[in-house]
Amino acid sequence: MTSPKIQKASFITIIVLLVLFVPITGYSIFLKITTAPIPLANQNTSHQMFYDGKLWFYSAAGEILGTYACEHTYCSYGVSYENDGSYALNYFNSEESSFLPIINDQFVFIHDSDDLEGHEVFLYDIKSEVAYKNMPYASIKNYQVGLENNLFIAENMDHQFGVLQITFMATPIIPYEYDFIGILADDTSDVPLNTDYFVVLSNSEWKIIDQNEAVLTSDIMEPIVTFNGEYIITKLDDVFHIMNYSGLPVMDEDFKYLSFTGRYLNCVNENDEFYLYDFVSESMLGSVHSLKSSDTVRTELKEDTIEIYINEKIVESVSLT
């Protein structure tokens, strides 16, 4: 039988241990709570692109997708870079610069460099946190407003152009073998831009191809400005020409300006005269209008007429019936 003295000593010992360890345990729990990582969703509450040395990625609904730890001075989402202005092509020229989008809540192009003026980017998989830095691009283009079907015109580090489609992975649908690839502006289409056809340049020759890289034209020796289903307008040294898809001239004449209104051709000849041309009848429509150097001309296709405006004043309504 345990003596009363021993029982008393044990009781005192238990009390002392409780006094010592209960605060220590409580403090340990407190430290664990206060030092636990703050969930990403509770950080960067203003959804800044760059915050705390990282890029932050959010869904359209504002849900956090992930982050990327920056390594260099200039770190941001990639920006669409259009070099189309160096050529004659009528392209979609957005007045606002915008970052390339997050694709399918998984992929994003990142610029992480010490070169402020550079356009080099790499693809980053947000979900798996994989940066494909071993496969960089000299530039990526989507005309600021986006291309249909998650397509992107890509320039590799050898400055050859191809087309990427990004779904659950990045797949080249047009190989890197062109000196330039562009998309014709279509003022009647909604964004994203239609990607049925591409204008390409290779070895100083122009042509039109589709998404399957099927060639729709002969090699064109002059830079392509625009096209419709039958004819191509070109421009060389400020002189415009009209030709068919075989590269043969349709009108053996030099023009100061050409454009399409539907299936009709707007012409400004070397005498600064404007008129409409009908390919079907192979004849001029309406009257000839003399222009001054400062004059602006536009046409508007109605149901059965084409209205001609000079300096925004209607000067003729040409019947199409």
C-alpha atoms as a PDB file:
ATOM      1  CA  MET A   1       0.000   0.000   0.000  1.00  0.00           C
ATOM      2  CA  THR A   2       1.370   3.412  -1.023  1.00  0.00           C
ATOM      3  CA  SER A   3       2.115   5.665   1.867  1.00  0.00           C
ATOM      4  CA  PRO A   4       0.296   8.990   2.206  1.00  0.00           C
ATOM      5  CA  LYS A   5       3.612  10.869   1.849  1.00  0.00           C
ATOM      6  CA  ILE A   6       4.328   9.200  -1.479  1.00  0.00           C
ATOM      7  CA  GLN A   7       0.748   9.883  -2.714  1.00  0.00           C
ATOM      8  CA  LYS A   8       1.106  13.513  -1.746  1.00  0.00           C
ATOM      9  CA  ALA A   9       4.470  13.828  -3.510  1.00  0.00           C
ATOM     10  CA  SER A  10       3.044  12.268  -6.699  1.00  0.00           C
ATOM     11  CA  PHE A  11       0.081  14.609  -6.655  1.00  0.00           C
ATOM     12  CA  ILE A  12       2.364  17.627  -6.296  1.00  0.00           C
ATOM     13  CA  THR A  13       4.531  16.361  -9.150  1.00  0.00           C
ATOM     14  CA  ILE A  14       1.480  16.023 -11.453  1.00  0.00           C
ATOM     15  CA  ILE A  15       0.341  19.520 -10.591  1.00  0.00           C
ATOM     16  CA  VAL A  16       3.799  20.941 -11.376  1.00  0.00           C
ATOM     17  CA  LEU A  17       3.928  19.120 -14.699  1.00  0.00           C
ATOM     18  CA  LEU A  18       0.494  20.394 -15.637  1.00  0.00           C
ATOM     19  CA  VAL A  19       1.500  23.931 -14.782  1.00  0.00           C
ATOM     20  CA  LEU A  20       4.592  23.605 -16.972  1.00  0.00           C
ATOM     21  CA  PHE A  21       3.276  21.707 -19.983  1.00  0.00           C
ATOM     22  CA  VAL A  22      -0.227  23.072 -20.486  1.00  0.00           C
ATOM     23  CA  PRO A  23       1.058  26.587 -21.357  1.00  0.00           C
ATOM     24  CA  ILE A  24       3.807  25.094 -23.529  1.00  0.00           C
ATOM     25  CA  THR A  25       1.256  22.972 -25.392  1.00  0.00           C
ATOM     26  CA  GLY A  26      -1.065  25.918 -25.798  1.00  0.00           C
ATOM     27  CA  TYR A  27       1.793  28.091 -27.069  1.00  0.00           C
ATOM     28  CA  SER A  28       2.803  25.382 -29.530  1.00  0.00           C
ATOM     29  CA  ILE A  29      -0.749  25.242 -30.869  1.00  0.00           C
ATOM     30  CA  PHE A  30      -0.782  29.034 -31.090  1.00  0.00           C
ATOM     31  CA  LEU A  31       2.487  29.052 -33.043  1.00  0.00           C
ATOM     32  CA  LYS A  32       1.176  26.382 -35.393  1.00  0.00           C
ATOM     33  CA  ILE A  33      -1.962  28.393 -36.075  1.00  0.00           C
ATOM     34  CA  THR A  34      -0.214  31.733 -36.538  1.00  0.00           C
ATOM     35  CA  THR A  35       2.569  30.356 -38.771  1.00  0.00           C
ATOM     36  CA  ALA A  36       0.328  28.244 -41.041  1.00  0.00           C
ATOM     37  CA  PRO A  37       0.570  29.257 -44.746  1.00  0.00           C
ATOM     38  CA  ILE A  38      -2.097  31.713 -45.817  1.00  0.00           C
ATOM     39  CA  PRO A  39      -4.187  30.181 -48.663  1.00  0.00           C
ATOM     40  CA  LEU A  40      -3.512  31.752 -52.068  1.00  0.00           C
ATOM     41  CA  ALA A  41      -7.162  32.746 -52.333  1.00  0.00           C
ATOM     42  CA  ASN A  42      -6.686  34.964 -49.265  1.00  0.00           C
ATOM     43  CA  GLN A  43      -3.602  36.691 -50.681  1.00  0.00           C
ATOM     44  CA  ASN A  44      -3.359  39.368 -53.383  1.00  0.00           C
ATOM     45  CA  THR A  45      -6.998  40.232 -52.791  1.00  0.00           C
ATOM     46  CA  SER A  46      -6.903  43.013 -55.412  1.00  0.00           C
ATOM     47  CA  HIS A  47      -5.913  40.428 -58.051  1.00  0.00           C
ATOM     48  CA  GLN A  48      -2.807  42.253 -59.222  1.00  0.00           C
ATOM     49  CA  MET A  49      -0.933  40.547 -62.060  1.00  0.00           C
ATOM     50  CA  PHE A  50       2.419  40.969 -60.264  1.00  0.00           C
ATOM     51  CA  TYR A  51       2.449  40.689 -56.471  1.00  0.00           C
ATOM     52  CA  ASP A  52       5.037  39.598 -53.917  1.00  0.00           C
ATOM     53  CA  GLY A  53       7.577  38.626 -56.610  1.00  0.00           C
ATOM     54  CA  LYS A  54       5.144  36.376 -58.456  1.00  0.00           C
ATOM     55  CA  LEU A  55       2.701  36.424 -61.338  1.00  0.00           C
ATOM     56  CA  TRP A  56      -0.834  35.564 -60.301  1.00  0.00           C
ATOM     57  CA  PHE A  57      -3.400  33.822 -62.479  1.00  0.00           C
ATOM     58  CA  TYR A  58      -7.165  33.995 -62.079  1.00  0.00           C
ATOM     59  CA  SER A  59     -10.113  32.506 -63.939  1.00  0.00           C
ATOM     60  CA  ALA A  60     -12.748  34.650 -65.607  1.00  0.00           C
ATOM     61  CA  ALA A  61     -14.831  34.116 -62.463  1.00  0.00           C
ATOM     62  CA  GLY A  62     -12.012  35.505 -60.316  1.00  0.00           C
ATOM     63  CA  GLU A  63     -10.917  32.181 -58.806  1.00  0.00           C
ATOM     64  CA  ILE A  64      -7.215  31.703 -58.153  1.00  0.00           C
ATOM     65  CA  LEU A  65      -5.568  29.303 -60.610  1.00  0.00           C
ATOM     66  CA  GLY A  66      -1.958  29.502 -59.471  1.00  0.00           C
ATOM     67  CA  THR A  67       1.203  31.591 -59.443  1.00  0.00           C
ATOM     68  CA  TYR A  68       4.621  31.779 -61.057  1.00  0.00           C
ATOM     69  CA  ALA A  69       7.757  32.915 -59.202  1.00  0.00           C
ATOM     70  CA  CYS A  70       9.547  35.508 -61.336  1.00  0.00           C
ATOM     71  CA  GLU A  71      13.287  35.225 -61.882  1.00  0.00           C
ATOM     72  CA  HIS A  72      14.217  38.367 -63.827  1.00  0.00           C
ATOM     73  CA  THR A  73      13.693  42.121 -63.859  1.00  0.00           C
ATOM     74  CA  TYR A  74      10.788  42.300 -66.298  1.00  0.00           C
ATOM     75  CA  CYS A  75       8.135  39.718 -65.571  1.00  0.00           C
ATOM     76  CA  SER A  76       4.576  39.746 -66.895  1.00  0.00           C
ATOM     77  CA  TYR A  77       2.081  37.932 -69.039  1.00  0.00           C
ATOM     78  CA  GLY A  78       3.213  37.892 -72.677  1.00  0.00           C
ATOM     79  CA  VAL A  79       1.993  40.636 -75.026  1.00  0.00           C
ATOM     80  CA  SER A  80       0.760  40.126 -78.587  1.00  0.00           C
ATOM     81  CA  TYR A  81       3.371  41.454 -81.016  1.00  0.00           C
ATOM     82  CA  GLU A  82       2.173  42.355 -84.510  1.00  0.00           C
ATOM     83  CA  ASN A  83       4.806  42.893 -87.207  1.00  0.00           C
ATOM     84  CA  ASP A  84       2.115  43.236 -89.901  1.00  0.00           C
ATOM     85  CA  GLY A  85       2.736  46.970 -90.182  1.00  0.00           C
ATOM     86  CA  SER A  86       5.959  46.167 -92.047  1.00  0.00           C
ATOM     87  CA  TYR A  87       3.898  44.678 -94.875  1.00  0.00           C
ATOM     88  CA  ALA A  88       0.985  45.728 -97.092  1.00  0.00           C
ATOM     89  CA  LEU A  89      -1.611  43.371 -95.580  1.00  0.00           C
ATOM     90  CA  ASN A  90      -4.851  44.869 -94.272  1.00  0.00           C
ATOM     91  CA  TYR A  91      -4.708  43.496 -90.736  1.00  0.00           C
ATOM     92  CA  PHE A  92      -6.720  44.014 -87.569  1.00  0.00           C
ATOM     93  CA  ASN A  93      -4.930  46.918 -85.907  1.00  0.00           C
ATOM     94  CA  SER A  94      -6.142  47.257 -82.350  1.00  0.00           C
ATOM     95  CA  GLU A  95      -5.522  50.628 -80.764  1.00  0.00           C
ATOM     96  CA  GLU A  96      -5.198  49.074 -77.330  1.00  0.00           C
ATOM     97  CA  SER A  97      -2.353  46.853 -76.204  1.00  0.00           C
ATOM     98  CA  SER A  98      -3.363  43.862 -74.110  1.00  0.00           C
ATOM     99  CA  PHE A  99      -1.742  40.853 -72.512  1.00  0.00           C
ATOM    100  CA  LEU A 100      -2.096  37.430 -74.057  1.00  0.00           C
ATOM    101  CA  PRO A 101      -4.920  35.524 -72.339  1.00  0.00           C
ATOM    102  CA  ILE A 102      -4.938  32.630 -69.922  1.00  0.00           C
ATOM    103  CA  ILE A 103      -5.939  29.654 -72.070  1.00  0.00           C
ATOM    104  CA  ASN A 104      -8.462  27.081 -70.820  1.00  0.00           C
ATOM    105  CA  ASP A 105      -7.625  28.079 -67.227  1.00  0.00           C
ATOM    106  CA  GLN A 106      -4.347  26.178 -67.661  1.00  0.00           C
ATOM    107  CA  PHE A 107      -1.822  27.797 -69.998  1.00  0.00           C
ATOM    108  CA  VAL A 108      -0.347  31.261 -70.275  1.00  0.00           C
ATOM    109  CA  PHE A 109       2.532  32.861 -72.198  1.00  0.00           C
ATOM    110  CA  ILE A 110       5.031  34.512 -69.843  1.00  0.00           C
ATOM    111  CA  HIS A 111       7.721  37.113 -70.463  1.00  0.00           C
ATOM    112  CA  ASP A 112      10.412  36.792 -67.751  1.00  0.00           C
ATOM    113  CA  SER A 113      13.551  38.578 -68.885  1.00  0.00           C
ATOM    114  CA  ASP A 114      16.034  41.363 -68.239  1.00  0.00           C
ATOM    115  CA  ASP A 115      15.203  42.793 -71.680  1.00  0.00           C
ATOM    116  CA  LEU A 116      12.439  45.372 -71.407  1.00  0.00           C
ATOM    117  CA  GLU A 117      11.995  45.713 -75.178  1.00  0.00           C
ATOM    118  CA  GLY A 118      12.035  41.990 -75.952  1.00  0.00           C
ATOM    119  CA  HIS A 119       8.999  39.958 -76.973  1.00  0.00           C
ATOM    120  CA  GLU A 120      10.384  36.532 -76.065  1.00  0.00           C
ATOM    121  CA  VAL A 121       7.952  34.337 -74.125  1.00  0.00           C
ATOM    122  CA  PHE A 122       7.542  30.753 -72.991  1.00  0.00           C
ATOM    123  CA  LEU A 123       4.450  28.697 -72.271  1.00  0.00           C
ATOM    124  CA  TYR A 124       3.605  27.992 -68.632  1.00  0.00           C
ATOM    125  CA  ASP A 125       1.303  25.211 -67.413  1.00  0.00           C
ATOM    126  CA  ILE A 126      -0.415  26.711 -64.390  1.00  0.00           C
ATOM    127  CA  LYS A 127      -1.933  23.467 -63.132  1.00  0.00           C
ATOM    128  CA  SER A 128       1.251  21.415 -63.167  1.00  0.00           C
ATOM    129  CA  GLU A 129       3.505  24.446 -62.508  1.00  0.00           C
ATOM    130  CA  VAL A 130       5.716  23.553 -65.487  1.00  0.00           C
ATOM    131  CA  ALA A 131       7.528  26.336 -67.370  1.00  0.00           C
ATOM    132  CA  TYR A 132       8.559  25.295 -70.882  1.00  0.00           C
ATOM    133  CA  LYS A 133      11.607  27.539 -70.952  1.00  0.00           C
ATOM    134  CA  ASN A 134      13.477  25.107 -73.196  1.00  0.00           C
ATOM    135  CA  MET A 135      10.951  25.922 -75.968  1.00  0.00           C
ATOM    136  CA  PRO A 136      10.832  29.749 -76.076  1.00  0.00           C
ATOM    137  CA  TYR A 137       9.146  31.869 -78.737  1.00  0.00           C
ATOM    138  CA  ALA A 138      10.599  35.077 -80.190  1.00  0.00           C
ATOM    139  CA  SER A 139       7.041  36.442 -80.326  1.00  0.00           C
ATOM    140  CA  ILE A 140       3.381  35.419 -80.178  1.00  0.00           C
ATOM    141  CA  LYS A 141       0.587  37.163 -82.082  1.00  0.00           C
ATOM    142  CA  ASN A 142      -3.174  37.119 -81.635  1.00  0.00           C
ATOM    143  CA  TYR A 143      -3.924  40.735 -82.713  1.00  0.00           C
ATOM    144  CA  GLN A 144      -4.877  41.708 -79.141  1.00  0.00           C
ATOM    145  CA  VAL A 145      -8.451  40.474 -79.633  1.00  0.00           C
ATOM    146  CA  GLY A 146      -7.794  36.762 -80.073  1.00  0.00           C
ATOM    147  CA  LEU A 147      -8.043  34.204 -82.867  1.00  0.00           C
ATOM    148  CA  GLU A 148     -10.686  31.521 -83.246  1.00  0.00           C
ATOM    149  CA  ASN A 149     -10.089  28.018 -81.876  1.00  0.00           C
ATOM    150  CA  ASN A 150      -7.298  29.093 -79.483  1.00  0.00           C
ATOM    151  CA  LEU A 151      -4.887  29.666 -82.362  1.00  0.00           C
ATOM    152  CA  PHE A 152      -1.739  31.753 -82.010  1.00  0.00           C
ATOM    153  CA  ILE A 153       0.718  32.852 -84.682  1.00  0.00           C
ATOM    154  CA  ALA A 154       4.125  31.968 -83.246  1.00  0.00           C
ATOM    155  CA  GLU A 155       7.647  33.046 -84.186  1.00  0.00           C
ATOM    156  CA  ASN A 156      10.393  30.620 -83.195  1.00  0.00           C
ATOM    157  CA  MET A 157      13.892  31.636 -82.155  1.00  0.00           C
ATOM    158  CA  ASP A 158      15.075  31.258 -85.765  1.00  0.00           C
ATOM    159  CA  HIS A 159      12.477  33.936 -86.682  1.00  0.00           C
ATOM    160  CA  GLN A 160      10.361  31.543 -88.702  1.00  0.00           C
ATOM    161  CA  PHE A 161       6.581  31.694 -88.279  1.00  0.00           C
ATOM    162  CA  GLY A 162       4.021  28.950 -87.712  1.00  0.00           C
ATOM    163  CA  VAL A 163       0.623  28.549 -86.052  1.00  0.00           C
ATOM    164  CA  LEU A 164      -0.067  26.936 -82.662  1.00  0.00           C
ATOM    165  CA  GLN A 165      -3.328  25.537 -81.373  1.00  0.00           C
ATOM    166  CA  ILE A 166      -3.533  25.242 -77.599  1.00  0.00           C
ATOM    167  CA  THR A 167      -6.045  22.857 -76.032  1.00  0.00           C
ATOM    168  CA  PHE A 168      -4.728  20.495 -73.345  1.00  0.00           C
ATOM    169  CA  MET A 169      -1.317  20.941 -75.002  1.00  0.00           C
ATOM    170  CA  ALA A 170       0.358  23.172 -77.606  1.00  0.00           C
ATOM    171  CA  THR A 171       0.154  21.665 -81.091  1.00  0.00           C
ATOM    172  CA  PRO A 172       1.739  23.231 -84.205  1.00  0.00           C
ATOM    173  CA  ILE A 173      -0.898  23.080 -86.956  1.00  0.00           C
ATOM    174  CA  ILE A 174       1.208  25.081 -89.419  1.00  0.00           C
ATOM    175  CA  PRO A 175       4.967  24.388 -89.205  1.00  0.00           C
ATOM    176  CA  TYR A 176       7.650  27.026 -88.696  1.00  0.00           C
ATOM    177  CA  GLU A 177       8.650  27.554 -92.313  1.00  0.00           C
ATOM    178  CA  TYR A 178       7.410  31.042 -93.202  1.00  0.00           C
ATOM    179  CA  ASP A 179       9.010  34.479 -93.058  1.00  0.00           C
ATOM    180  CA  PHE A 180       5.652  36.015 -92.132  1.00  0.00           C
ATOM    181  CA  ILE A 181       2.107  34.864 -91.348  1.00  0.00           C
ATOM    182  CA  GLY A 182      -0.842  37.230 -91.086  1.00  0.00           C
ATOM    183  CA  ILE A 183      -4.632  37.245 -90.999  1.00  0.00           C
ATOM    184  CA  LEU A 184      -6.733  39.545 -93.129  1.00  0.00           C
ATOM    185  CA  ALA A 185      -8.832  42.025 -91.181  1.00  0.00           C
ATOM    186  CA  ASP A 186     -12.550  41.394 -91.495  1.00  0.00           C
ATOM    187  CA  ASP A 187     -14.516  44.409 -90.302  1.00  0.00           C
ATOM    188  CA  THR A 188     -17.773  42.445 -90.432  1.00  0.00           C
ATOM    189  CA  SER A 189     -16.681  39.685 -88.079  1.00  0.00           C
ATOM    190  CA  ASP A 190     -16.893  39.553 -84.316  1.00  0.00           C
ATOM    191  CA  VAL A 191     -13.814  38.817 -82.289  1.00  0.00           C
ATOM    192  CA  PRO A 192     -12.063  36.409 -81.997  1.00  0.00           C
ATOM    193  CA  LEU A 193     -10.855  36.780 -85.565  1.00  0.00           C
ATOM    194  CA  ASN A 194     -11.665  34.219 -88.249  1.00  0.00           C
ATOM    195  CA  THR A 195      -8.748  31.856 -88.898  1.00  0.00           C
ATOM    196  CA  ASP A 196      -9.925  30.015 -92.008  1.00  0.00           C
ATOM    197  CA  TYR A 197      -7.178  31.561 -94.134  1.00  0.00           C
ATOM    198  CA  PHE A 198      -3.661  32.864 -93.612  1.00  0.00           C
ATOM    199  CA  VAL A 199      -1.488  35.109 -95.777  1.00  0.00           C
ATOM    200  CA  VAL A 200       2.088  33.800 -95.762  1.00  0.00           C
ATOM    201  CA  LEU A 201       5.454  34.926 -97.095  1.00  0.00           C
ATOM    202  CA  SER A 202       8.269  32.546 -97.993  1.00  0.00           C
ATOM    203  CA  ASN A 203      11.339  33.239-100.118  1.00  0.00           C
ATOM    204  CA  SER A 204       9.908  36.602-101.238  1.00  0.00           C
ATOM    205  CA  GLU A 205       6.746  34.939-102.568  1.00  0.00           C
ATOM    206  CA  TRP A 206       3.251  35.410-101.174  1.00  0.00           C
ATOM    207  CA  LYS A 207       0.341  32.995-101.062  1.00  0.00           C
ATOM    208  CA  ILE A 208      -2.884  32.199 -99.230  1.00  0.00           C
ATOM    209  CA  ILE A 209      -3.206  28.955 -97.261  1.00  0.00           C
ATOM    210  CA  ASP A 210      -5.833  27.429 -94.999  1.00  0.00           C
ATOM    211  CA  GLN A 211      -5.537  25.799 -91.555  1.00  0.00           C
ATOM    212  CA  ASN A 212      -4.527  22.505 -93.160  1.00  0.00           C
ATOM    213  CA  GLU A 213      -1.717  24.336 -95.005  1.00  0.00           C
ATOM    214  CA  ALA A 214      -3.483  23.730 -98.315  1.00  0.00           C
ATOM    215  CA  VAL A 215      -2.232  26.333-100.801  1.00  0.00           C
ATOM    216  CA  LEU A 216      -5.103  28.236-102.440  1.00  0.00           C
ATOM    217  CA  THR A 217      -3.120  30.449-104.794  1.00  0.00           C
ATOM    218  CA  SER A 218      -0.134  30.419-107.068  1.00  0.00           C
ATOM    219  CA  ASP A 219       2.936  32.155-105.708  1.00  0.00           C
ATOM    220  CA  ILE A 220       2.275  35.894-105.836  1.00  0.00           C
ATOM    221  CA  MET A 221       5.305  38.069-106.498  1.00  0.00           C
ATOM    222  CA  GLU A 222       3.838  41.240-104.953  1.00  0.00           C
ATOM    223  CA  PRO A 223       2.778  41.763-101.303  1.00  0.00           C
ATOM    224  CA  ILE A 224      -0.875  40.878-100.711  1.00  0.00           C
ATOM    225  CA  VAL A 225      -3.117  43.667 -99.422  1.00  0.00           C
ATOM    226  CA  THR A 226      -6.483  41.883 -99.320  1.00  0.00           C
ATOM    227  CA  PHE A 227      -8.513  39.240-101.129  1.00  0.00           C
ATOM    228  CA  ASN A 228     -11.992  37.843-101.631  1.00  0.00           C
ATOM    229  CA  GLY A 229     -13.121  34.491-102.981  1.00  0.00           C
ATOM    230  CA  GLU A 230     -11.836  35.185-106.502  1.00  0.00           C
ATOM    231  CA  TYR A 231      -9.424  38.088-106.625  1.00  0.00           C
ATOM    232  CA  ILE A 232      -6.343  39.419-104.860  1.00  0.00           C
ATOM    233  CA  ILE A 233      -5.247  43.025-104.447  1.00  0.00           C
ATOM    234  CA  THR A 234      -1.490  43.574-104.230  1.00  0.00           C
ATOM    235  CA  LYS A 235       0.695  46.594-103.581  1.00  0.00           C
ATOM    236  CA  LEU A 236       4.289  47.180-104.638  1.00  0.00           C
ATOM    237  CA  ASP A 237       6.071  50.530-104.272  1.00  0.00           C
ATOM    238  CA  ASP A 238       2.734  52.286-103.612  1.00  0.00           C
ATOM    239  CA  VAL A 239       1.208  50.866-106.799  1.00  0.00           C
ATOM    240  CA  PHE A 240      -1.872  48.624-106.514  1.00  0.00           C
ATOM    241  CA  HIS A 241      -2.763  45.746-108.833  1.00  0.00           C
ATOM    242  CA  ILE A 242      -5.684  43.331-109.091  1.00  0.00           C
ATOM    243  CA  MET A 243      -5.103  39.687-110.035  1.00  0.00           C
ATOM    244  CA  ASN A 244      -6.748  36.277-109.837  1.00  0.00           C
ATOM    245  CA  TYR A 245      -5.686  33.364-107.629  1.00  0.00           C
ATOM    246  CA  SER A 246      -3.352  32.159-110.371  1.00  0.00           C
ATOM    247  CA  GLY A 247      -1.405  35.397-110.080  1.00  0.00           C
ATOM    248  CA  LEU A 248      -2.540  36.710-113.489  1.00  0.00           C
ATOM    249  CA  PRO A 249      -3.553  40.391-113.868  1.00  0.00           C
ATOM    250  CA  VAL A 250      -7.300  41.011-114.122  1.00  0.00           C
ATOM    251  CA  MET A 251      -6.896  44.637-115.174  1.00  0.00           C
ATOM    252  CA  ASP A 252      -3.698  45.620-116.935  1.00  0.00           C
ATOM    253  CA  GLU A 253      -3.430  48.958-115.171  1.00  0.00           C
ATOM    254  CA  ASP A 254      -1.608  50.591-112.264  1.00  0.00           C
ATOM    255  CA  PHE A 255      -3.748  52.110-109.517  1.00  0.00           C
ATOM    256  CA  LYS A 256      -3.140  54.511-106.666  1.00  0.00           C
ATOM    257  CA  TYR A 257      -5.670  52.635-104.546  1.00  0.00           C
ATOM    258  CA  LEU A 258      -7.857  49.514-104.702  1.00  0.00           C
ATOM    259  CA  SER A 259     -10.279  47.895-102.286  1.00  0.00           C
ATOM    260  CA  PHE A 260     -13.352  45.660-102.308  1.00  0.00           C
ATOM    261  CA  THR A 261     -16.944  46.492-101.534  1.00  0.00           C
ATOM    262  CA  GLY A 262     -18.668  43.130-101.727  1.00  0.00           C
ATOM    263  CA  ARG A 263     -17.846  41.706-105.158  1.00  0.00           C
ATOM    264  CA  TYR A 264     -17.164  45.180-106.569  1.00  0.00           C
ATOM    265  CA  LEU A 265     -13.840  46.973-106.854  1.00  0.00           C
ATOM    266  CA  ASN A 266     -13.146  50.518-105.659  1.00  0.00           C
ATOM    267  CA  CYS A 267     -10.573  52.083-107.979  1.00  0.00           C
ATOM    268  CA  VAL A 268      -8.455  55.226-107.857  1.00  0.00           C
ATOM    269  CA  ASN A 269      -6.425  55.466-111.056  1.00  0.00           C
ATOM    270  CA  GLU A 270      -3.224  57.387-111.719  1.00  0.00           C
ATOM    271  CA  ASN A 271      -5.274  60.434-112.757  1.00  0.00           C
ATOM    272  CA  ASP A 272      -6.837  60.624-109.274  1.00  0.00           C
ATOM    273  CA  GLU A 273     -10.191  59.459-110.577  1.00  0.00           C
ATOM    274  CA  PHE A 274     -12.437  57.232-108.498  1.00  0.00           C
ATOM    275  CA  TYR A 275     -14.886  54.728-109.948  1.00  0.00           C
ATOM    276  CA  LEU A 276     -16.520  51.366-109.221  1.00  0.00           C
ATOM    277  CA  TYR A 277     -15.739  48.280-111.296  1.00  0.00           C
ATOM    278  CA  ASP A 278     -17.954  45.216-111.764  1.00  0.00           C
ATOM    279  CA  PHE A 279     -16.033  41.977-112.402  1.00  0.00           C
ATOM    280  CA  VAL A 280     -19.106  40.219-113.811  1.00  0.00           C
ATOM    281  CA  SER A 281     -19.875  42.757-116.542  1.00  0.00           C
ATOM    282  CA  GLU A 282     -16.200  43.785-116.767  1.00  0.00           C
ATOM    283  CA  SER A 283     -17.273  47.398-116.837  1.00  0.00           C
ATOM    284  CA  MET A 284     -17.394  50.552-114.742  1.00  0.00           C
ATOM    285  CA  LEU A 285     -20.448  51.262-112.572  1.00  0.00           C
ATOM    286  CA  GLY A 286     -21.813  54.767-112.126  1.00  0.00           C
ATOM    287  CA  SER A 287     -19.794  57.916-112.675  1.00  0.00           C
ATOM    288  CA  VAL A 288     -16.139  58.887-112.502  1.00  0.00           C
ATOM    289  CA  HIS A 289     -15.298  61.233-109.634  1.00  0.00           C
ATOM    290  CA  SER A 290     -12.236  63.486-109.718  1.00  0.00           C
ATOM    291  CA  LEU A 291     -10.355  63.663-106.437  1.00  0.00           C
ATOM    292  CA  LYS A 292      -8.096  66.171-104.762  1.00  0.00           C
ATOM    293  CA  SER A 293      -5.059  64.942-102.872  1.00  0.00           C
ATOM    294  CA  SER A 294      -6.724  65.638 -99.515  1.00  0.00           C
ATOM    295  CA  ASP A 295     -10.008  63.874-100.364  1.00  0.00           C
ATOM    296  CA  THR A 296     -11.124  60.718 -98.589  1.00  0.00           C
ATOM    297  CA  VAL A 297     -13.395  58.188-100.283  1.00  0.00           C
ATOM    298  CA  ARG A 298     -15.436  55.360 -98.889  1.00  0.00           C
ATOM    299  CA  THR A 299     -18.269  53.199-100.175  1.00  0.00           C
ATOM    300  CA  GLU A 300     -21.142  51.517 -98.388  1.00  0.00           C
ATOM    301  CA  LEU A 301     -23.000  48.496 -99.725  1.00  0.00           C
ATOM    302  CA  LYS A 302     -26.773  48.641 -99.305  1.00  0.00           C
ATOM    303  CA  GLU A 303     -29.393  46.083-100.362  1.00  0.00           C
ATOM    304  CA  ASP A 304     -29.413  47.100-104.043  1.00  0.00           C
ATOM    305  CA  THR A 305     -27.091  50.119-104.191  1.00  0.00           C
ATOM    306  CA  ILE A 306     -23.567  51.206-103.396  1.00  0.00           C
ATOM    307  CA  GLU A 307     -23.313  54.657-101.867  1.00  0.00           C
ATOM    308  CA  ILE A 308     -20.163  56.660-102.604  1.00  0.00           C
ATOM    309  CA  TYR A 309     -18.959  59.178-100.024  1.00  0.00           C
ATOM    310  CA  ILE A 310     -16.242  61.778-100.584  1.00  0.00           C
ATOM    311  CA  ASN A 311     -15.117  63.555 -97.418  1.00  0.00           C
ATOM    312  CA  GLU A 312     -18.076  61.850 -95.704  1.00  0.00           C
ATOM    313  CA  LYS A 313     -20.575  63.489 -98.064  1.00  0.00           C
ATOM    314  CA  ILE A 314     -22.618  61.200-100.298  1.00  0.00           C
ATOM    315  CA  VAL A 315     -21.961  62.021-103.951  1.00  0.00           C
ATOM    316  CA  GLU A 316     -23.620  59.101-105.711  1.00  0.00           C
ATOM    317  CA  SER A 317     -25.880  56.123-105.082  1.00  0.00           C
ATOM    318  CA  VAL A 318     -25.058  53.480-107.700  1.00  0.00           C
ATOM    319  CA  SER A 319     -27.871  51.053-108.549  1.00  0.00           C
ATOM    320  CA  LEU A 320     -26.943  47.351-108.632  1.00  0.00           C
ATOM    321  CA  THR A 321     -30.166  46.210-110.249  1.00  0.00           C
END
